[in-house]
PDB file of N, CA and C in Angstrom:
ATOM      1  N   MET A   1       0.850  -1.167   0.000  1.00  0.00           N
ATOM      2  CA  MET A   1       0.000   0.000   0.000  1.00  0.00           C
ATOM      3  C   MET A   1       0.899   1.235   0.000  1.00  0.00           C
ATOM      4  N   ASN A   2       0.492   2.265  -0.686  1.00  0.00           N
ATOM      5  CA  ASN A   2       1.307   3.475  -0.708  1.00  0.00           C
ATOM      6  C   ASN A   2       1.107   4.287   0.562  1.00  0.00           C
ATOM      7  N   ALA A   3       1.850   5.371   0.669  1.00  0.00           N
ATOM      8  CA  ALA A   3       1.830   6.162   1.903  1.00  0.00           C
ATOM      9  C   ALA A   3       0.439   6.711   2.210  1.00  0.00           C
ATOM     10  N   ALA A   4      -0.311   7.074   1.174  1.00  0.00           N
ATOM     11  CA  ALA A   4      -1.647   7.625   1.385  1.00  0.00           C
ATOM     12  C   ALA A   4      -2.680   6.538   1.617  1.00  0.00           C
ATOM     13  N   GLY A   5      -2.312   5.292   1.363  1.00  0.00           N
ATOM     14  CA  GLY A   5      -3.241   4.202   1.568  1.00  0.00           C
ATOM     15  C   GLY A   5      -4.250   4.036   0.448  1.00  0.00           C
ATOM     16  N   THR A   6      -3.940   4.525  -0.737  1.00  0.00           N
ATOM     17  CA  THR A   6      -4.863   4.450  -1.854  1.00  0.00           C
ATOM     18  C   THR A   6      -4.736   3.110  -2.554  1.00  0.00           C
ATOM     19  N   LEU A   7      -5.850   2.409  -2.666  1.00  0.00           N
ATOM     20  CA  LEU A   7      -5.891   1.126  -3.351  1.00  0.00           C
ATOM     21  C   LEU A   7      -6.887   1.214  -4.500  1.00  0.00           C
ATOM     22  N   PHE A   8      -6.617   0.479  -5.558  1.00  0.00           N
ATOM     23  CA  PHE A   8      -7.502   0.490  -6.719  1.00  0.00           C
ATOM     24  C   PHE A   8      -7.555  -0.905  -7.296  1.00  0.00           C
ATOM     25  N   GLU A   9      -8.727  -1.487  -7.317  1.00  0.00           N
ATOM     26  CA  GLU A   9      -8.890  -2.814  -7.910  1.00  0.00           C
ATOM     27  C   GLU A   9      -9.765  -2.668  -9.139  1.00  0.00           C
ATOM     28  N   HIS A  10      -9.346  -3.317 -10.205  1.00  0.00           N
ATOM     29  CA  HIS A  10     -10.138  -3.257 -11.427  1.00  0.00           C
ATOM     30  C   HIS A  10      -9.980  -4.530 -12.223  1.00  0.00           C
ATOM     31  N   SER A  11     -10.827  -4.645 -13.217  1.00  0.00           N
ATOM     32  CA  SER A  11     -10.777  -5.790 -14.112  1.00  0.00           C
ATOM     33  C   SER A  11     -10.040  -5.399 -15.371  1.00  0.00           C
ATOM     34  N   GLY A  12      -9.077  -6.199 -15.737  1.00  0.00           N
ATOM     35  CA  GLY A  12      -8.337  -5.943 -16.970  1.00  0.00           C
ATOM     36  C   GLY A  12      -9.068  -6.432 -18.203  1.00  0.00           C
ATOM     37  N   THR A  13     -10.210  -7.083 -18.019  1.00  0.00           N
ATOM     38  CA  THR A  13     -10.928  -7.642 -19.156  1.00  0.00           C
ATOM     39  C   THR A  13     -12.303  -7.025 -19.363  1.00  0.00           C
ATOM     40  N   THR A  14     -12.616  -5.965 -18.649  1.00  0.00           N
ATOM     41  CA  THR A  14     -13.927  -5.337 -18.798  1.00  0.00           C
ATOM     42  C   THR A  14     -14.101  -4.744 -20.190  1.00  0.00           C
ATOM     43  N   ARG A  15     -15.303  -4.792 -20.681  1.00  0.00           N
ATOM     44  CA  ARG A  15     -15.615  -4.168 -21.973  1.00  0.00           C
ATOM     45  C   ARG A  15     -16.428  -2.897 -21.778  1.00  0.00           C
ATOM     46  N   THR A  16     -16.848  -2.653 -20.552  1.00  0.00           N
ATOM     47  CA  THR A  16     -17.675  -1.494 -20.258  1.00  0.00           C
ATOM     48  C   THR A  16     -16.820  -0.264 -19.942  1.00  0.00           C
ATOM     49  N   LEU A  17     -15.755  -0.471 -19.208  1.00  0.00           N
ATOM     50  CA  LEU A  17     -14.885   0.624 -18.801  1.00  0.00           C
ATOM     51  C   LEU A  17     -13.594   0.589 -19.609  1.00  0.00           C
ATOM     52  N   ILE A  18     -13.013   1.725 -19.815  1.00  0.00           N
ATOM     53  CA  ILE A  18     -11.776   1.817 -20.593  1.00  0.00           C
ATOM     54  C   ILE A  18     -10.603   1.515 -19.663  1.00  0.00           C
ATOM     55  N   VAL A  19     -10.026   0.326 -19.831  1.00  0.00           N
ATOM     56  CA  VAL A  19      -8.974  -0.155 -18.934  1.00  0.00           C
ATOM     57  C   VAL A  19      -7.767   0.784 -18.896  1.00  0.00           C
ATOM     58  N   PRO A  20      -7.231   1.238 -20.041  1.00  0.00           N
ATOM     59  CA  PRO A  20      -6.083   2.155 -19.963  1.00  0.00           C
ATOM     60  C   PRO A  20      -6.408   3.439 -19.182  1.00  0.00           C
ATOM     61  N   ALA A  21      -7.635   3.908 -19.288  1.00  0.00           N
ATOM     62  CA  ALA A  21      -8.027   5.104 -18.539  1.00  0.00           C
ATOM     63  C   ALA A  21      -8.052   4.805 -17.041  1.00  0.00           C
ATOM     64  N   GLN A  22      -8.544   3.623 -16.663  1.00  0.00           N
ATOM     65  CA  GLN A  22      -8.557   3.237 -15.254  1.00  0.00           C
ATOM     66  C   GLN A  22      -7.136   3.187 -14.703  1.00  0.00           C
ATOM     67  N   ARG A  23      -6.254   2.558 -15.458  1.00  0.00           N
ATOM     68  CA  ARG A  23      -4.850   2.445 -15.018  1.00  0.00           C
ATOM     69  C   ARG A  23      -4.213   3.824 -14.880  1.00  0.00           C
ATOM     70  N   SER A  24      -4.505   4.700 -15.829  1.00  0.00           N
ATOM     71  CA  SER A  24      -3.950   6.052 -15.805  1.00  0.00           C
ATOM     72  C   SER A  24      -4.441   6.828 -14.572  1.00  0.00           C
ATOM     73  N   MET A  25      -5.723   6.716 -14.282  1.00  0.00           N
ATOM     74  CA  MET A  25      -6.271   7.428 -13.117  1.00  0.00           C
ATOM     75  C   MET A  25      -5.698   6.873 -11.813  1.00  0.00           C
ATOM     76  N   ALA A  26      -5.544   5.561 -11.760  1.00  0.00           N
ATOM     77  CA  ALA A  26      -4.965   4.952 -10.559  1.00  0.00           C
ATOM     78  C   ALA A  26      -3.517   5.411 -10.370  1.00  0.00           C
ATOM     79  N   LYS A  27      -2.780   5.472 -11.460  1.00  0.00           N
ATOM     80  CA  LYS A  27      -1.381   5.923 -11.396  1.00  0.00           C
ATOM     81  C   LYS A  27      -1.318   7.370 -10.926  1.00  0.00           C
ATOM     82  N   ARG A  28      -2.206   8.211 -11.467  1.00  0.00           N
ATOM     83  CA  ARG A  28      -2.250   9.618 -11.058  1.00  0.00           C
ATOM     84  C   ARG A  28      -2.533   9.764  -9.573  1.00  0.00           C
ATOM     85  N   ALA A  29      -3.352   8.861  -9.050  1.00  0.00           N
ATOM     86  CA  ALA A  29      -3.699   8.906  -7.629  1.00  0.00           C
ATOM     87  C   ALA A  29      -2.616   8.282  -6.758  1.00  0.00           C
ATOM     88  N   GLY A  30      -1.605   7.677  -7.404  1.00  0.00           N
ATOM     89  CA  GLY A  30      -0.547   7.022  -6.651  1.00  0.00           C
ATOM     90  C   GLY A  30      -1.036   5.757  -5.959  1.00  0.00           C
ATOM     91  N   ALA A  31      -2.036   5.126  -6.551  1.00  0.00           N
ATOM     92  CA  ALA A  31      -2.668   3.960  -5.924  1.00  0.00           C
ATOM     93  C   ALA A  31      -1.872   2.683  -6.143  1.00  0.00           C
ATOM     94  N   THR A  32      -2.002   1.792  -5.199  1.00  0.00           N
ATOM     95  CA  THR A  32      -1.542   0.425  -5.376  1.00  0.00           C
ATOM     96  C   THR A  32      -2.642  -0.264  -6.163  1.00  0.00           C
ATOM     97  N   VAL A  33      -2.295  -0.850  -7.305  1.00  0.00           N
ATOM     98  CA  VAL A  33      -3.292  -1.416  -8.210  1.00  0.00           C
ATOM     99  C   VAL A  33      -3.324  -2.934  -8.099  1.00  0.00           C
ATOM    100  N   VAL A  34      -4.533  -3.460  -8.000  1.00  0.00           N
ATOM    101  CA  VAL A  34      -4.759  -4.897  -8.010  1.00  0.00           C
ATOM    102  C   VAL A  34      -5.703  -5.168  -9.172  1.00  0.00           C
ATOM    103  N   GLU A  35      -5.309  -6.059 -10.053  1.00  0.00           N
ATOM    104  CA  GLU A  35      -6.130  -6.377 -11.213  1.00  0.00           C
ATOM    105  C   GLU A  35      -6.664  -7.802 -11.082  1.00  0.00           C
ATOM    106  N   ALA A  36      -7.958  -7.964 -11.294  1.00  0.00           N
ATOM    107  CA  ALA A  36      -8.593  -9.274 -11.214  1.00  0.00           C
ATOM    108  C   ALA A  36      -9.361  -9.534 -12.500  1.00  0.00           C
ATOM    109  N   LYS A  37      -9.502 -10.801 -12.853  1.00  0.00           N
ATOM    110  CA  LYS A  37     -10.259 -11.170 -14.048  1.00  0.00           C
ATOM    111  C   LYS A  37     -11.746 -11.005 -13.792  1.00  0.00           C
ATOM    112  N   GLY A  38     -12.434 -10.425 -14.746  1.00  0.00           N
ATOM    113  CA  GLY A  38     -13.878 -10.276 -14.623  1.00  0.00           C
ATOM    114  C   GLY A  38     -14.363  -9.053 -15.367  1.00  0.00           C
ATOM    115  N   SER A  39     -15.630  -8.754 -15.217  1.00  0.00           N
ATOM    116  CA  SER A  39     -16.227  -7.612 -15.890  1.00  0.00           C
ATOM    117  C   SER A  39     -16.145  -6.377 -14.995  1.00  0.00           C
ATOM    118  N   HIS A  40     -16.921  -5.368 -15.357  1.00  0.00           N
ATOM    119  CA  HIS A  40     -16.924  -4.148 -14.558  1.00  0.00           C
ATOM    120  C   HIS A  40     -17.527  -4.378 -13.171  1.00  0.00           C
ATOM    121  N   ALA A  41     -18.271  -5.448 -12.988  1.00  0.00           N
ATOM    122  CA  ALA A  41     -18.861  -5.767 -11.684  1.00  0.00           C
ATOM    123  C   ALA A  41     -17.945  -6.740 -10.933  1.00  0.00           C
ATOM    124  N   ILE A  42     -16.707  -6.335 -10.742  1.00  0.00           N
ATOM    125  CA  ILE A  42     -15.682  -7.213 -10.172  1.00  0.00           C
ATOM    126  C   ILE A  42     -16.056  -7.701  -8.777  1.00  0.00           C
ATOM    127  N   TYR A  43     -16.754  -6.890  -8.018  1.00  0.00           N
ATOM    128  CA  TYR A  43     -17.150  -7.274  -6.666  1.00  0.00           C
ATOM    129  C   TYR A  43     -18.153  -8.429  -6.667  1.00  0.00           C
ATOM    130  N   VAL A  44     -18.870  -8.625  -7.772  1.00  0.00           N
ATOM    131  CA  VAL A  44     -19.822  -9.730  -7.884  1.00  0.00           C
ATOM    132  C   VAL A  44     -19.113 -10.990  -8.385  1.00  0.00           C
ATOM    133  N   LEU A  45     -18.237 -10.835  -9.372  1.00  0.00           N
ATOM    134  CA  LEU A  45     -17.584 -11.975 -10.001  1.00  0.00           C
ATOM    135  C   LEU A  45     -16.359 -12.477  -9.240  1.00  0.00           C
ATOM    136  N   GLN A  46     -15.694 -11.602  -8.508  1.00  0.00           N
ATOM    137  CA  GLN A  46     -14.490 -11.959  -7.760  1.00  0.00           C
ATOM    138  C   GLN A  46     -14.603 -11.456  -6.319  1.00  0.00           C
ATOM    139  N   PRO A  47     -15.621 -11.887  -5.584  1.00  0.00           N
ATOM    140  CA  PRO A  47     -15.801 -11.356  -4.227  1.00  0.00           C
ATOM    141  C   PRO A  47     -14.627 -11.656  -3.302  1.00  0.00           C
ATOM    142  N   LYS A  48     -13.973 -12.803  -3.491  1.00  0.00           N
ATOM    143  CA  LYS A  48     -12.837 -13.138  -2.632  1.00  0.00           C
ATOM    144  C   LYS A  48     -11.690 -12.144  -2.834  1.00  0.00           C
ATOM    145  N   ALA A  49     -11.395 -11.817  -4.088  1.00  0.00           N
ATOM    146  CA  ALA A  49     -10.321 -10.863  -4.381  1.00  0.00           C
ATOM    147  C   ALA A  49     -10.636  -9.492  -3.788  1.00  0.00           C
ATOM    148  N   VAL A  50     -11.886  -9.071  -3.910  1.00  0.00           N
ATOM    149  CA  VAL A  50     -12.290  -7.770  -3.369  1.00  0.00           C
ATOM    150  C   VAL A  50     -12.222  -7.788  -1.838  1.00  0.00           C
ATOM    151  N   ALA A  51     -12.687  -8.886  -1.223  1.00  0.00           N
ATOM    152  CA  ALA A  51     -12.649  -8.994   0.235  1.00  0.00           C
ATOM    153  C   ALA A  51     -11.215  -8.975   0.750  1.00  0.00           C
ATOM    154  N   GLU A  52     -10.311  -9.669   0.045  1.00  0.00           N
ATOM    155  CA  GLU A  52      -8.896  -9.669   0.452  1.00  0.00           C
ATOM    156  C   GLU A  52      -8.309  -8.271   0.364  1.00  0.00           C
ATOM    157  N   LEU A  53      -8.660  -7.532  -0.671  1.00  0.00           N
ATOM    158  CA  LEU A  53      -8.174  -6.165  -0.819  1.00  0.00           C
ATOM    159  C   LEU A  53      -8.671  -5.298   0.338  1.00  0.00           C
ATOM    160  N   ILE A  54      -9.932  -5.427   0.672  1.00  0.00           N
ATOM    161  CA  ILE A  54     -10.508  -4.644   1.772  1.00  0.00           C
ATOM    162  C   ILE A  54      -9.847  -5.011   3.098  1.00  0.00           C
ATOM    163  N   GLU A  55      -9.632  -6.302   3.320  1.00  0.00           N
ATOM    164  CA  GLU A  55      -8.973  -6.734   4.548  1.00  0.00           C
ATOM    165  C   GLU A  55      -7.556  -6.188   4.652  1.00  0.00           C
ATOM    166  N   LYS A  56      -6.814  -6.257   3.559  1.00  0.00           N
ATOM    167  CA  LYS A  56      -5.442  -5.741   3.573  1.00  0.00           C
ATOM    168  C   LYS A  56      -5.429  -4.239   3.797  1.00  0.00           C
ATOM    169  N   ALA A  57      -6.366  -3.542   3.196  1.00  0.00           N
ATOM    170  CA  ALA A  57      -6.441  -2.092   3.389  1.00  0.00           C
ATOM    171  C   ALA A  57      -6.771  -1.772   4.847  1.00  0.00           C
ATOM    172  N   ALA A  58      -7.707  -2.523   5.403  1.00  0.00           N
ATOM    173  CA  ALA A  58      -8.093  -2.296   6.793  1.00  0.00           C
ATOM    174  C   ALA A  58      -6.953  -2.581   7.760  1.00  0.00           C
ATOM    175  N   ASN A  59      -6.145  -3.559   7.410  1.00  0.00           N
ATOM    176  CA  ASN A  59      -5.012  -3.930   8.267  1.00  0.00           C
ATOM    177  C   ASN A  59      -3.762  -3.126   7.964  1.00  0.00           C
ATOM    178  N   GLY A  60      -3.784  -2.340   6.888  1.00  0.00           N
ATOM    179  CA  GLY A  60      -2.637  -1.529   6.536  1.00  0.00           C
ATOM    180  C   GLY A  60      -1.449  -2.336   6.069  1.00  0.00           C
ATOM    181  N   LEU A  61      -1.688  -3.512   5.496  1.00  0.00           N
ATOM    182  CA  LEU A  61      -0.598  -4.376   5.037  1.00  0.00           C
ATOM    183  C   LEU A  61      -0.181  -4.037   3.620  1.00  0.00           C
ATOM    184  N   SER A  62       1.027  -4.397   3.291  1.00  0.00           N
ATOM    185  CA  SER A  62       1.538  -4.186   1.952  1.00  0.00           C
ATOM    186  C   SER A  62       0.812  -5.099   0.972  1.00  0.00           C
ATOM    187  N   MET A  63       0.568  -4.605  -0.240  1.00  0.00           N
ATOM    188  CA  MET A  63      -0.087  -5.389  -1.277  1.00  0.00           C
ATOM    189  C   MET A  63       0.917  -6.149  -2.133  1.00  0.00           C
ATOM    190  N   LYS A  64       2.173  -6.123  -1.783  1.00  0.00           N
ATOM    191  CA  LYS A  64       3.206  -6.773  -2.602  1.00  0.00           C
ATOM    192  C   LYS A  64       3.181  -8.265  -2.430  1.00  0.00           C
TER     193      LYS A  64
END
């Protein structure tokens, strides 16, 4: 996790959202990026990945 604690999870395979734009915005925010397979509704298709991200953020652990 970065110093500000910004995390960003997205799907690299979504057809609804523009993936390069998502990556660019996350980079601008200085976010730690986690990419999971799925559509734009990543929290529905990959709930375990989203839950792990939330847990790590809550615990302040590194995403590496």
